[in-house]
Amino acid sequence: MKCSRHSCEGGHDDWVRFKVVWQFGFAPSPQRGEGWGEGIRVHITLSRTLTTLVFHFREGKNMTLSVIAVYPGTFDPITLGHQDLIRRAAGLFDRVIVAVAAAHHKKTLFSLPERLATVRDVVQELGNVQVESFSGLVRDFAVDYGARAMLRGVRSVTDFDFEAQLAGMNRALAPQVETVFLTPDSRYQFISSTLVREIATLKGDVTQFVAPSVHARLMAKLQA
């Protein structure tokens, strides 16, 4: 199989997976491949920072862009701020995988199965979002699932300092995975799982910070 920037020809495999690195500083216009089967039409919307894409296509058929993003975290518990980022990411990427960390180095309030169930409950209406668990390096998880982007939420300058360092380390370990920062809606900018747990433990009202199903699980856990 011989591939140029916009087209491919020849080849024997019915399904082909290949990587194209776009070297544009702007979103390319729709293009049509020439000299290959029925031709292909590609429509791509890019941010200025997303430069590596993975394409899955059937020879002689329409080509489909598939960009997978991983959103890792402990989610102990998942907050409305987390849900805001997941919902917006679902509109940006073809598939979003919420990666719930086993967090062996942390003493979590909820067990891993409980956190998985809680997250799945609040994202079930988003058809292109799935929830999986992982332990070890998130880099390995992202590569195993073919992710091209790692989503991180940034609430403040302090968050950015830490996340920028983490993004640099992840780039060194997995250069094919880009880190994408999203800031939460201003309504959720001050919310964190740690504060939610502390306020709830001290019998404060956290209903404005988490979904009703999450609040019910949180109250049940603290009253047990």
N, C-alpha and C. Protein backbone atom coordinates (compact mmCIF):
# COMPACT_ATOMS: atom_id res chain seq x y z
N MET A 1 0.84 -1.18 0.00
CA MET A 1 0.00 0.00 0.00
C MET A 1 0.88 1.24 0.00
N LYS A 2 0.64 2.16 -0.95
CA LYS A 2 1.38 3.40 -1.04
C LYS A 2 0.44 4.55 -0.66
N CYS A 3 0.86 5.35 0.28
CA CYS A 3 0.02 6.44 0.78
C CYS A 3 0.72 7.78 0.60
N SER A 4 -0.01 8.72 0.07
CA SER A 4 0.45 10.10 0.04
C SER A 4 -0.30 10.84 1.13
N ARG A 5 -0.19 12.16 1.17
CA ARG A 5 -0.86 12.92 2.23
C ARG A 5 -2.36 12.74 2.17
N HIS A 6 -2.92 12.67 0.96
CA HIS A 6 -4.38 12.68 0.84
C HIS A 6 -4.97 11.40 0.23
N SER A 7 -4.13 10.46 -0.25
CA SER A 7 -4.72 9.29 -0.91
C SER A 7 -3.84 8.07 -0.75
N CYS A 8 -4.41 6.90 -1.01
CA CYS A 8 -3.69 5.64 -0.97
C CYS A 8 -4.11 4.81 -2.17
N GLU A 9 -3.25 3.90 -2.58
CA GLU A 9 -3.60 3.00 -3.67
C GLU A 9 -2.94 1.66 -3.46
N GLY A 10 -3.53 0.63 -4.07
CA GLY A 10 -2.98 -0.71 -3.95
C GLY A 10 -3.26 -1.30 -2.58
N GLY A 11 -2.56 -2.39 -2.27
CA GLY A 11 -2.74 -3.02 -0.96
C GLY A 11 -3.63 -4.24 -1.04
N HIS A 12 -3.50 -5.12 -0.06
CA HIS A 12 -4.24 -6.37 -0.06
C HIS A 12 -5.20 -6.51 1.11
N ASP A 13 -4.89 -5.86 2.22
CA ASP A 13 -5.76 -5.99 3.40
C ASP A 13 -7.04 -5.21 3.20
N ASP A 14 -8.13 -5.80 3.62
CA ASP A 14 -9.42 -5.14 3.47
C ASP A 14 -9.52 -3.93 4.38
N TRP A 15 -9.00 -4.08 5.60
CA TRP A 15 -9.00 -2.96 6.54
C TRP A 15 -7.57 -2.52 6.76
N VAL A 16 -7.36 -1.25 6.77
CA VAL A 16 -6.02 -0.71 6.92
C VAL A 16 -6.03 0.34 8.02
N ARG A 17 -5.01 0.32 8.84
CA ARG A 17 -4.88 1.33 9.88
C ARG A 17 -3.56 2.04 9.67
N PHE A 18 -3.59 3.34 9.54
CA PHE A 18 -2.35 4.06 9.36
C PHE A 18 -2.42 5.42 10.02
N LYS A 19 -1.27 6.03 10.17
CA LYS A 19 -1.17 7.31 10.86
C LYS A 19 -0.74 8.39 9.88
N VAL A 20 -1.39 9.55 9.97
CA VAL A 20 -1.03 10.70 9.16
C VAL A 20 -0.68 11.84 10.09
N VAL A 21 0.45 12.45 9.87
CA VAL A 21 0.85 13.60 10.66
C VAL A 21 0.62 14.85 9.83
N TRP A 22 -0.33 15.66 10.26
CA TRP A 22 -0.66 16.89 9.55
C TRP A 22 0.27 17.99 10.03
N GLN A 23 0.90 18.67 9.11
CA GLN A 23 1.81 19.74 9.47
C GLN A 23 1.21 21.07 9.02
N PHE A 24 0.03 21.34 9.54
CA PHE A 24 -0.66 22.59 9.25
C PHE A 24 -0.76 23.40 10.53
N GLY A 25 -0.82 24.71 10.42
CA GLY A 25 -1.10 25.54 11.57
C GLY A 25 -2.56 25.93 11.61
N PHE A 26 -3.38 25.28 10.77
CA PHE A 26 -4.80 25.60 10.69
C PHE A 26 -5.53 24.35 10.27
N ALA A 27 -6.86 24.36 10.37
CA ALA A 27 -7.65 23.20 9.99
C ALA A 27 -7.68 23.07 8.48
N PRO A 28 -7.31 21.91 7.90
CA PRO A 28 -7.33 21.75 6.46
C PRO A 28 -8.75 21.71 5.92
N SER A 29 -8.91 22.07 4.67
CA SER A 29 -10.21 22.01 4.02
C SER A 29 -10.53 20.57 3.65
N PRO A 30 -11.80 20.26 3.37
CA PRO A 30 -12.12 18.91 2.91
C PRO A 30 -11.30 18.57 1.66
N GLN A 31 -10.78 17.35 1.62
CA GLN A 31 -9.94 16.93 0.50
C GLN A 31 -10.48 15.64 -0.10
N ARG A 32 -10.20 15.42 -1.38
CA ARG A 32 -10.58 14.18 -2.03
C ARG A 32 -9.33 13.48 -2.54
N GLY A 33 -9.18 12.21 -2.16
CA GLY A 33 -8.04 11.44 -2.65
C GLY A 33 -8.21 11.10 -4.12
N GLU A 34 -7.13 11.05 -4.83
CA GLU A 34 -7.16 10.77 -6.26
C GLU A 34 -6.38 9.49 -6.56
N GLY A 35 -6.76 8.83 -7.66
CA GLY A 35 -6.02 7.68 -8.15
C GLY A 35 -6.11 6.47 -7.26
N TRP A 36 -7.22 6.32 -6.57
CA TRP A 36 -7.33 5.21 -5.62
C TRP A 36 -8.77 4.79 -5.45
N GLY A 37 -9.10 3.59 -5.96
CA GLY A 37 -10.44 3.02 -5.78
C GLY A 37 -11.53 4.01 -6.13
N GLU A 38 -12.49 4.14 -5.24
CA GLU A 38 -13.58 5.07 -5.42
C GLU A 38 -13.21 6.48 -4.95
N GLY A 39 -12.00 6.63 -4.39
CA GLY A 39 -11.62 7.91 -3.81
C GLY A 39 -12.16 8.04 -2.41
N ILE A 40 -11.65 8.97 -1.69
CA ILE A 40 -12.09 9.18 -0.32
C ILE A 40 -12.33 10.66 -0.10
N ARG A 41 -13.20 10.97 0.82
CA ARG A 41 -13.43 12.36 1.20
C ARG A 41 -13.20 12.47 2.70
N VAL A 42 -12.38 13.42 3.09
CA VAL A 42 -12.02 13.59 4.48
C VAL A 42 -12.43 14.98 4.93
N HIS A 43 -13.18 15.05 6.01
CA HIS A 43 -13.50 16.36 6.59
C HIS A 43 -12.92 16.38 7.99
N ILE A 44 -12.03 17.31 8.25
CA ILE A 44 -11.29 17.33 9.50
C ILE A 44 -11.41 18.70 10.15
N THR A 45 -11.72 18.71 11.42
CA THR A 45 -11.68 19.94 12.19
C THR A 45 -10.62 19.77 13.26
N LEU A 46 -9.61 20.62 13.24
CA LEU A 46 -8.49 20.48 14.14
C LEU A 46 -8.32 21.72 15.01
N SER A 47 -7.83 21.49 16.22
CA SER A 47 -7.32 22.62 16.99
C SER A 47 -5.90 22.87 16.49
N ARG A 48 -5.32 23.96 16.87
CA ARG A 48 -3.97 24.28 16.41
C ARG A 48 -2.93 23.36 17.04
N THR A 49 -3.30 22.67 18.13
CA THR A 49 -2.32 21.86 18.84
C THR A 49 -2.41 20.38 18.51
N LEU A 50 -3.52 19.94 17.93
CA LEU A 50 -3.68 18.52 17.64
C LEU A 50 -3.08 18.24 16.27
N THR A 51 -1.94 17.56 16.22
CA THR A 51 -1.22 17.42 14.96
C THR A 51 -1.12 15.98 14.48
N THR A 52 -1.47 15.02 15.31
CA THR A 52 -1.35 13.63 14.91
C THR A 52 -2.71 12.95 14.99
N LEU A 53 -3.15 12.37 13.89
CA LEU A 53 -4.45 11.72 13.84
C LEU A 53 -4.31 10.27 13.39
N VAL A 54 -5.23 9.44 13.82
CA VAL A 54 -5.27 8.06 13.36
C VAL A 54 -6.51 7.87 12.52
N PHE A 55 -6.35 7.28 11.34
CA PHE A 55 -7.46 7.04 10.44
C PHE A 55 -7.72 5.54 10.33
N HIS A 56 -8.99 5.18 10.33
CA HIS A 56 -9.40 3.81 10.04
C HIS A 56 -10.27 3.87 8.79
N PHE A 57 -9.96 3.12 7.75
CA PHE A 57 -10.78 3.19 6.55
C PHE A 57 -10.82 1.85 5.84
N ARG A 58 -11.83 1.69 5.02
CA ARG A 58 -12.01 0.49 4.23
C ARG A 58 -11.63 0.85 2.80
N GLU A 59 -10.80 0.03 2.17
CA GLU A 59 -10.31 0.35 0.85
C GLU A 59 -11.47 0.52 -0.12
N GLY A 60 -11.44 1.62 -0.86
CA GLY A 60 -12.47 1.89 -1.85
C GLY A 60 -13.76 2.40 -1.25
N LYS A 61 -13.81 2.56 0.07
CA LYS A 61 -15.02 3.04 0.73
C LYS A 61 -14.73 4.38 1.39
N ASN A 62 -15.76 4.94 2.03
CA ASN A 62 -15.56 6.21 2.71
C ASN A 62 -14.62 6.04 3.90
N MET A 63 -13.81 7.03 4.14
CA MET A 63 -12.84 6.99 5.22
C MET A 63 -13.43 7.67 6.44
N THR A 64 -13.21 7.08 7.62
CA THR A 64 -13.78 7.61 8.85
C THR A 64 -12.67 8.00 9.81
N LEU A 65 -12.74 9.20 10.31
CA LEU A 65 -11.78 9.69 11.27
C LEU A 65 -12.16 9.20 12.66
N SER A 66 -11.21 8.66 13.38
CA SER A 66 -11.49 8.18 14.72
C SER A 66 -10.42 8.71 15.66
N VAL A 67 -10.79 9.62 16.52
CA VAL A 67 -9.85 10.18 17.50
C VAL A 67 -10.37 9.84 18.89
N ILE A 68 -9.57 9.12 19.65
CA ILE A 68 -9.95 8.66 20.98
C ILE A 68 -9.21 9.49 22.02
N ALA A 69 -9.94 9.95 23.03
CA ALA A 69 -9.34 10.70 24.14
C ALA A 69 -9.54 9.93 25.43
N VAL A 70 -8.54 9.98 26.29
CA VAL A 70 -8.61 9.35 27.61
C VAL A 70 -8.66 10.45 28.67
N TYR A 71 -9.59 10.32 29.59
CA TYR A 71 -9.70 11.27 30.70
C TYR A 71 -9.45 10.49 31.99
N PRO A 72 -8.22 10.54 32.52
CA PRO A 72 -7.90 9.75 33.71
C PRO A 72 -8.18 10.51 35.00
N GLY A 73 -8.42 9.77 36.07
CA GLY A 73 -8.62 10.40 37.37
C GLY A 73 -9.03 9.38 38.40
N THR A 74 -9.06 9.80 39.65
CA THR A 74 -9.50 8.91 40.73
C THR A 74 -11.01 8.95 40.87
N PHE A 75 -11.61 10.13 40.69
CA PHE A 75 -13.07 10.31 40.74
C PHE A 75 -13.65 9.76 42.05
N ASP A 76 -13.16 10.33 43.14
CA ASP A 76 -13.54 9.86 44.47
C ASP A 76 -14.13 10.98 45.32
N PRO A 77 -15.37 11.42 45.01
CA PRO A 77 -16.27 10.94 43.95
C PRO A 77 -16.17 11.83 42.71
N ILE A 78 -16.88 11.43 41.65
CA ILE A 78 -16.98 12.26 40.47
C ILE A 78 -17.85 13.48 40.79
N THR A 79 -17.42 14.66 40.37
CA THR A 79 -18.15 15.89 40.67
C THR A 79 -18.80 16.46 39.40
N LEU A 80 -19.57 17.52 39.58
CA LEU A 80 -20.18 18.18 38.42
C LEU A 80 -19.10 18.81 37.53
N GLY A 81 -17.97 19.18 38.12
CA GLY A 81 -16.86 19.69 37.32
C GLY A 81 -16.32 18.62 36.39
N HIS A 82 -16.14 17.39 36.90
CA HIS A 82 -15.71 16.27 36.07
C HIS A 82 -16.72 16.02 34.94
N GLN A 83 -17.99 16.01 35.31
CA GLN A 83 -19.03 15.73 34.32
C GLN A 83 -19.06 16.79 33.23
N ASP A 84 -18.81 18.03 33.61
CA ASP A 84 -18.77 19.12 32.63
C ASP A 84 -17.68 18.88 31.59
N LEU A 85 -16.51 18.48 32.05
CA LEU A 85 -15.40 18.22 31.13
C LEU A 85 -15.69 17.00 30.24
N ILE A 86 -16.27 15.97 30.82
CA ILE A 86 -16.58 14.76 30.05
C ILE A 86 -17.59 15.07 28.96
N ARG A 87 -18.63 15.82 29.31
CA ARG A 87 -19.67 16.17 28.33
C ARG A 87 -19.09 16.99 27.18
N ARG A 88 -18.24 17.94 27.50
CA ARG A 88 -17.65 18.77 26.44
C ARG A 88 -16.66 17.98 25.61
N ALA A 89 -15.90 17.09 26.25
CA ALA A 89 -14.96 16.25 25.50
C ALA A 89 -15.70 15.33 24.55
N ALA A 90 -16.88 14.86 24.96
CA ALA A 90 -17.67 13.97 24.11
C ALA A 90 -18.08 14.66 22.81
N GLY A 91 -18.17 15.99 22.84
CA GLY A 91 -18.49 16.75 21.64
C GLY A 91 -17.28 17.05 20.78
N LEU A 92 -16.09 16.86 21.34
CA LEU A 92 -14.86 17.16 20.61
C LEU A 92 -14.22 15.93 19.97
N PHE A 93 -14.39 14.77 20.63
CA PHE A 93 -13.71 13.55 20.19
C PHE A 93 -14.72 12.49 19.79
N ASP A 94 -14.26 11.57 18.94
CA ASP A 94 -15.13 10.48 18.50
C ASP A 94 -15.48 9.54 19.66
N ARG A 95 -14.49 9.30 20.51
CA ARG A 95 -14.74 8.44 21.67
C ARG A 95 -13.94 8.96 22.84
N VAL A 96 -14.56 8.97 24.01
CA VAL A 96 -13.89 9.39 25.24
C VAL A 96 -13.91 8.22 26.21
N ILE A 97 -12.74 7.88 26.73
CA ILE A 97 -12.63 6.81 27.72
C ILE A 97 -12.30 7.44 29.06
N VAL A 98 -13.22 7.33 29.99
CA VAL A 98 -12.96 7.80 31.35
C VAL A 98 -12.20 6.69 32.06
N ALA A 99 -10.95 6.97 32.40
CA ALA A 99 -10.06 5.97 33.00
C ALA A 99 -10.01 6.17 34.51
N VAL A 100 -10.63 5.28 35.24
CA VAL A 100 -10.71 5.39 36.70
C VAL A 100 -9.51 4.67 37.31
N ALA A 101 -8.67 5.41 38.01
CA ALA A 101 -7.44 4.86 38.56
C ALA A 101 -7.70 4.00 39.79
N ALA A 102 -6.99 2.88 39.86
CA ALA A 102 -7.08 2.04 41.06
C ALA A 102 -6.57 2.80 42.28
N ALA A 103 -5.59 3.70 42.05
CA ALA A 103 -5.07 4.60 43.11
C ALA A 103 -4.60 3.84 44.33
N HIS A 104 -3.69 2.88 44.10
CA HIS A 104 -3.16 2.10 45.22
C HIS A 104 -2.39 2.97 46.20
N HIS A 105 -1.89 4.12 45.74
CA HIS A 105 -1.09 5.00 46.59
C HIS A 105 -1.97 5.94 47.42
N LYS A 106 -3.28 5.88 47.22
CA LYS A 106 -4.21 6.75 47.95
C LYS A 106 -5.16 5.93 48.80
N LYS A 107 -5.62 6.54 49.88
CA LYS A 107 -6.70 5.92 50.67
C LYS A 107 -8.00 6.57 50.19
N THR A 108 -8.73 5.87 49.37
CA THR A 108 -9.95 6.43 48.78
C THR A 108 -11.16 6.13 49.65
N LEU A 109 -12.15 7.00 49.55
CA LEU A 109 -13.40 6.78 50.28
C LEU A 109 -14.19 5.65 49.64
N PHE A 110 -14.28 5.67 48.31
CA PHE A 110 -15.00 4.63 47.57
C PHE A 110 -14.02 3.62 46.99
N SER A 111 -14.43 2.38 46.97
CA SER A 111 -13.61 1.34 46.35
C SER A 111 -13.60 1.53 44.84
N LEU A 112 -12.71 0.85 44.16
CA LEU A 112 -12.65 0.96 42.70
C LEU A 112 -13.96 0.53 42.05
N PRO A 113 -14.55 -0.61 42.41
CA PRO A 113 -15.84 -0.99 41.81
C PRO A 113 -16.93 0.05 42.06
N GLU A 114 -16.93 0.66 43.25
CA GLU A 114 -17.93 1.68 43.57
C GLU A 114 -17.72 2.93 42.71
N ARG A 115 -16.47 3.32 42.52
CA ARG A 115 -16.20 4.50 41.69
C ARG A 115 -16.54 4.24 40.23
N LEU A 116 -16.26 3.05 39.74
CA LEU A 116 -16.63 2.70 38.37
C LEU A 116 -18.14 2.78 38.18
N ALA A 117 -18.88 2.21 39.14
CA ALA A 117 -20.35 2.21 39.05
C ALA A 117 -20.89 3.63 39.10
N THR A 118 -20.31 4.47 39.95
CA THR A 118 -20.77 5.85 40.08
C THR A 118 -20.55 6.63 38.80
N VAL A 119 -19.36 6.50 38.22
CA VAL A 119 -19.06 7.22 36.98
C VAL A 119 -19.94 6.73 35.84
N ARG A 120 -20.09 5.43 35.71
CA ARG A 120 -20.93 4.88 34.63
C ARG A 120 -22.36 5.37 34.75
N ASP A 121 -22.82 5.52 35.97
CA ASP A 121 -24.19 5.97 36.18
C ASP A 121 -24.42 7.38 35.64
N VAL A 122 -23.45 8.28 35.83
CA VAL A 122 -23.67 9.68 35.45
C VAL A 122 -23.31 9.97 33.99
N VAL A 123 -22.63 9.04 33.31
CA VAL A 123 -22.28 9.28 31.89
C VAL A 123 -23.05 8.38 30.94
N GLN A 124 -24.00 7.62 31.45
CA GLN A 124 -24.67 6.62 30.63
C GLN A 124 -25.43 7.22 29.44
N GLU A 125 -25.80 8.49 29.51
CA GLU A 125 -26.53 9.11 28.40
C GLU A 125 -25.61 9.59 27.28
N LEU A 126 -24.32 9.55 27.50
CA LEU A 126 -23.35 9.97 26.48
C LEU A 126 -22.91 8.73 25.70
N GLY A 127 -23.39 8.60 24.49
CA GLY A 127 -23.19 7.38 23.73
C GLY A 127 -21.76 7.08 23.34
N ASN A 128 -20.90 8.08 23.26
CA ASN A 128 -19.51 7.84 22.84
C ASN A 128 -18.53 7.88 24.02
N VAL A 129 -19.06 7.70 25.23
CA VAL A 129 -18.21 7.69 26.43
C VAL A 129 -18.26 6.31 27.07
N GLN A 130 -17.10 5.75 27.36
CA GLN A 130 -17.03 4.49 28.09
C GLN A 130 -16.16 4.67 29.32
N VAL A 131 -16.33 3.80 30.28
CA VAL A 131 -15.63 3.90 31.56
C VAL A 131 -14.85 2.61 31.80
N GLU A 132 -13.56 2.75 32.06
CA GLU A 132 -12.70 1.61 32.31
C GLU A 132 -11.81 1.92 33.50
N SER A 133 -11.28 0.88 34.12
CA SER A 133 -10.33 1.06 35.22
C SER A 133 -8.91 0.81 34.73
N PHE A 134 -7.95 1.35 35.47
CA PHE A 134 -6.56 1.07 35.13
C PHE A 134 -5.70 1.16 36.38
N SER A 135 -4.58 0.48 36.33
CA SER A 135 -3.55 0.62 37.36
C SER A 135 -2.22 0.74 36.63
N GLY A 136 -1.25 1.30 37.26
CA GLY A 136 0.01 1.51 36.57
C GLY A 136 0.01 2.84 35.85
N LEU A 137 0.85 2.95 34.83
CA LEU A 137 1.00 4.21 34.10
C LEU A 137 -0.19 4.46 33.18
N VAL A 138 -0.73 5.67 33.25
CA VAL A 138 -1.83 6.02 32.35
C VAL A 138 -1.32 6.03 30.90
N ARG A 139 -0.03 6.26 30.72
CA ARG A 139 0.57 6.19 29.39
C ARG A 139 0.30 4.84 28.73
N ASP A 140 0.50 3.76 29.50
CA ASP A 140 0.28 2.41 28.97
C ASP A 140 -1.19 2.20 28.62
N PHE A 141 -2.08 2.71 29.47
CA PHE A 141 -3.51 2.58 29.22
C PHE A 141 -3.89 3.29 27.93
N ALA A 142 -3.40 4.52 27.76
CA ALA A 142 -3.73 5.31 26.56
C ALA A 142 -3.23 4.63 25.31
N VAL A 143 -2.02 4.12 25.33
CA VAL A 143 -1.45 3.45 24.16
C VAL A 143 -2.21 2.17 23.85
N ASP A 144 -2.55 1.40 24.89
CA ASP A 144 -3.29 0.14 24.69
C ASP A 144 -4.64 0.37 24.02
N TYR A 145 -5.29 1.49 24.33
CA TYR A 145 -6.60 1.79 23.76
C TYR A 145 -6.52 2.63 22.49
N GLY A 146 -5.31 2.89 22.01
CA GLY A 146 -5.16 3.65 20.77
C GLY A 146 -5.55 5.11 20.89
N ALA A 147 -5.44 5.68 22.10
CA ALA A 147 -5.83 7.07 22.31
C ALA A 147 -4.83 8.01 21.67
N ARG A 148 -5.34 9.11 21.13
CA ARG A 148 -4.49 10.14 20.55
C ARG A 148 -4.42 11.38 21.44
N ALA A 149 -5.27 11.46 22.44
CA ALA A 149 -5.28 12.64 23.30
C ALA A 149 -5.55 12.22 24.74
N MET A 150 -4.93 12.94 25.67
CA MET A 150 -5.19 12.76 27.08
C MET A 150 -5.79 14.05 27.61
N LEU A 151 -6.96 13.95 28.16
CA LEU A 151 -7.70 15.12 28.62
C LEU A 151 -7.37 15.41 30.08
N ARG A 152 -7.08 16.68 30.36
CA ARG A 152 -6.82 17.10 31.73
C ARG A 152 -7.58 18.39 32.03
N GLY A 153 -8.17 18.46 33.21
CA GLY A 153 -8.89 19.65 33.63
C GLY A 153 -7.96 20.59 34.38
N VAL A 154 -8.05 21.86 34.07
CA VAL A 154 -7.20 22.87 34.73
C VAL A 154 -8.10 23.94 35.32
N ARG A 155 -8.09 24.07 36.66
CA ARG A 155 -8.96 25.03 37.33
C ARG A 155 -8.26 26.33 37.68
N SER A 156 -6.94 26.29 37.79
CA SER A 156 -6.21 27.46 38.27
C SER A 156 -4.78 27.43 37.76
N VAL A 157 -4.05 28.51 38.04
CA VAL A 157 -2.63 28.57 37.68
C VAL A 157 -1.86 27.47 38.41
N THR A 158 -2.23 27.22 39.64
CA THR A 158 -1.57 26.15 40.41
C THR A 158 -1.75 24.81 39.73
N ASP A 159 -2.98 24.53 39.29
CA ASP A 159 -3.24 23.30 38.54
C ASP A 159 -2.37 23.24 37.30
N PHE A 160 -2.27 24.36 36.57
CA PHE A 160 -1.55 24.37 35.31
C PHE A 160 -0.06 24.07 35.52
N ASP A 161 0.53 24.61 36.56
CA ASP A 161 1.95 24.35 36.83
C ASP A 161 2.20 22.85 36.97
N PHE A 162 1.34 22.18 37.74
CA PHE A 162 1.50 20.74 37.93
C PHE A 162 1.19 19.98 36.65
N GLU A 163 0.10 20.35 35.98
CA GLU A 163 -0.33 19.61 34.79
C GLU A 163 0.65 19.80 33.63
N ALA A 164 1.27 20.98 33.53
CA ALA A 164 2.25 21.21 32.47
C ALA A 164 3.45 20.30 32.65
N GLN A 165 3.88 20.12 33.89
CA GLN A 165 4.99 19.21 34.17
C GLN A 165 4.60 17.77 33.85
N LEU A 166 3.39 17.40 34.25
CA LEU A 166 2.91 16.05 33.98
C LEU A 166 2.77 15.80 32.48
N ALA A 167 2.29 16.81 31.74
CA ALA A 167 2.14 16.69 30.30
C ALA A 167 3.50 16.49 29.63
N GLY A 168 4.51 17.22 30.11
CA GLY A 168 5.85 17.05 29.55
C GLY A 168 6.39 15.64 29.78
N MET A 169 6.15 15.10 30.96
CA MET A 169 6.60 13.74 31.25
C MET A 169 5.87 12.72 30.39
N ASN A 170 4.54 12.90 30.25
CA ASN A 170 3.77 11.97 29.41
C ASN A 170 4.20 12.05 27.95
N ARG A 171 4.56 13.26 27.48
CA ARG A 171 5.01 13.41 26.10
C ARG A 171 6.33 12.67 25.89
N ALA A 172 7.19 12.70 26.90
CA ALA A 172 8.46 11.99 26.80
C ALA A 172 8.24 10.48 26.77
N LEU A 173 7.24 10.01 27.53
CA LEU A 173 6.97 8.57 27.60
C LEU A 173 6.14 8.07 26.42
N ALA A 174 5.23 8.92 25.93
CA ALA A 174 4.33 8.52 24.82
C ALA A 174 4.13 9.72 23.90
N PRO A 175 5.09 10.02 23.03
CA PRO A 175 5.01 11.21 22.18
C PRO A 175 3.82 11.23 21.24
N GLN A 176 3.21 10.06 20.98
CA GLN A 176 2.07 10.02 20.07
C GLN A 176 0.76 10.43 20.73
N VAL A 177 0.78 10.64 22.04
CA VAL A 177 -0.42 11.02 22.77
C VAL A 177 -0.30 12.49 23.19
N GLU A 178 -1.20 13.33 22.69
CA GLU A 178 -1.18 14.75 23.03
C GLU A 178 -2.01 15.03 24.27
N THR A 179 -1.54 15.93 25.11
CA THR A 179 -2.31 16.36 26.28
C THR A 179 -3.17 17.56 25.90
N VAL A 180 -4.45 17.48 26.21
CA VAL A 180 -5.39 18.56 25.92
C VAL A 180 -5.95 19.10 27.23
N PHE A 181 -5.77 20.39 27.49
CA PHE A 181 -6.27 21.01 28.71
C PHE A 181 -7.63 21.64 28.45
N LEU A 182 -8.56 21.41 29.37
CA LEU A 182 -9.85 22.08 29.34
C LEU A 182 -10.09 22.75 30.69
N THR A 183 -10.59 23.96 30.66
CA THR A 183 -10.97 24.62 31.91
C THR A 183 -12.46 24.37 32.15
N PRO A 184 -12.86 24.17 33.40
CA PRO A 184 -14.27 23.90 33.68
C PRO A 184 -15.12 25.14 33.54
N ASP A 185 -16.41 24.93 33.43
CA ASP A 185 -17.35 26.04 33.50
C ASP A 185 -17.12 26.81 34.80
N SER A 186 -17.29 28.12 34.76
CA SER A 186 -17.03 28.95 35.94
C SER A 186 -17.84 28.50 37.16
N ARG A 187 -18.98 27.87 36.93
CA ARG A 187 -19.81 27.40 38.05
C ARG A 187 -19.12 26.29 38.83
N TYR A 188 -18.19 25.59 38.19
CA TYR A 188 -17.56 24.43 38.82
C TYR A 188 -16.07 24.61 39.07
N GLN A 189 -15.55 25.81 38.84
CA GLN A 189 -14.11 26.02 38.85
C GLN A 189 -13.48 25.76 40.22
N PHE A 190 -14.25 25.90 41.28
CA PHE A 190 -13.71 25.76 42.64
C PHE A 190 -13.95 24.38 43.23
N ILE A 191 -14.63 23.50 42.49
CA ILE A 191 -15.01 22.20 43.05
C ILE A 191 -13.86 21.20 42.90
N SER A 192 -13.64 20.44 43.95
CA SER A 192 -12.70 19.32 43.88
C SER A 192 -13.27 18.15 44.67
N SER A 193 -12.87 16.95 44.31
CA SER A 193 -13.34 15.76 45.03
C SER A 193 -12.92 15.81 46.50
N THR A 194 -11.71 16.31 46.74
CA THR A 194 -11.21 16.39 48.12
C THR A 194 -12.10 17.28 48.98
N LEU A 195 -12.45 18.46 48.46
CA LEU A 195 -13.32 19.37 49.23
C LEU A 195 -14.71 18.77 49.43
N VAL A 196 -15.23 18.11 48.40
CA VAL A 196 -16.55 17.49 48.51
C VAL A 196 -16.54 16.44 49.62
N ARG A 197 -15.51 15.59 49.65
CA ARG A 197 -15.42 14.57 50.70
C ARG A 197 -15.33 15.20 52.08
N GLU A 198 -14.49 16.23 52.22
CA GLU A 198 -14.30 16.85 53.53
C GLU A 198 -15.57 17.53 54.03
N ILE A 199 -16.25 18.25 53.13
CA ILE A 199 -17.49 18.93 53.52
C ILE A 199 -18.56 17.91 53.90
N ALA A 200 -18.69 16.87 53.10
CA ALA A 200 -19.70 15.84 53.38
C ALA A 200 -19.40 15.11 54.69
N THR A 201 -18.12 14.85 54.96
CA THR A 201 -17.73 14.17 56.21
C THR A 201 -18.09 15.01 57.43
N LEU A 202 -18.03 16.32 57.26
CA LEU A 202 -18.37 17.23 58.36
C LEU A 202 -19.85 17.61 58.34
N LYS A 203 -20.63 16.83 57.59
CA LYS A 203 -22.08 16.97 57.52
C LYS A 203 -22.54 18.26 56.84
N GLY A 204 -21.72 18.77 55.94
CA GLY A 204 -22.11 19.92 55.15
C GLY A 204 -22.90 19.50 53.92
N ASP A 205 -23.58 20.45 53.31
CA ASP A 205 -24.43 20.17 52.14
C ASP A 205 -23.59 20.25 50.86
N VAL A 206 -23.50 19.14 50.14
CA VAL A 206 -22.72 19.12 48.90
C VAL A 206 -23.60 18.85 47.68
N THR A 207 -24.90 19.06 47.83
CA THR A 207 -25.81 18.75 46.73
C THR A 207 -25.54 19.59 45.48
N GLN A 208 -24.98 20.78 45.66
CA GLN A 208 -24.72 21.65 44.51
C GLN A 208 -23.41 21.30 43.78
N PHE A 209 -22.68 20.33 44.31
CA PHE A 209 -21.37 20.00 43.74
C PHE A 209 -21.33 18.66 43.02
N VAL A 210 -22.32 17.80 43.27
CA VAL A 210 -22.34 16.46 42.67
C VAL A 210 -23.74 16.14 42.16
N ALA A 211 -23.82 15.17 41.27
CA ALA A 211 -25.11 14.72 40.74
C ALA A 211 -25.92 14.04 41.85
N PRO A 212 -27.26 14.03 41.74
CA PRO A 212 -28.09 13.40 42.78
C PRO A 212 -27.72 11.95 43.08
N SER A 213 -27.41 11.18 42.04
CA SER A 213 -27.05 9.77 42.28
C SER A 213 -25.73 9.66 43.03
N VAL A 214 -24.80 10.57 42.74
CA VAL A 214 -23.52 10.58 43.44
C VAL A 214 -23.73 11.00 44.90
N HIS A 215 -24.59 11.98 45.11
CA HIS A 215 -24.87 12.44 46.48
C HIS A 215 -25.48 11.32 47.30
N ALA A 216 -26.39 10.56 46.72
CA ALA A 216 -27.02 9.45 47.44
C ALA A 216 -25.99 8.40 47.84
N ARG A 217 -25.08 8.08 46.93
CA ARG A 217 -24.03 7.11 47.25
C ARG A 217 -23.09 7.65 48.33
N LEU A 218 -22.80 8.94 48.26
CA LEU A 218 -21.91 9.55 49.22
C LEU A 218 -22.52 9.53 50.62
N MET A 219 -23.80 9.88 50.72
CA MET A 219 -24.47 9.86 52.03
C MET A 219 -24.55 8.44 52.58
N ALA A 220 -24.83 7.49 51.72
CA ALA A 220 -24.91 6.09 52.17
C ALA A 220 -23.56 5.60 52.68
N LYS A 221 -22.51 6.01 51.99
CA LYS A 221 -21.16 5.59 52.40
C LYS A 221 -20.79 6.19 53.74
N LEU A 222 -21.09 7.45 53.97
CA LEU A 222 -20.71 8.12 55.21
C LEU A 222 -21.57 7.69 56.40
N GLN A 223 -22.77 7.21 56.10
CA GLN A 223 -23.66 6.77 57.18
C GLN A 223 -23.48 5.30 57.53
N ALA A 224 -22.68 4.60 56.71
CA ALA A 224 -22.48 3.16 56.94
C ALA A 224 -21.65 2.90 58.20
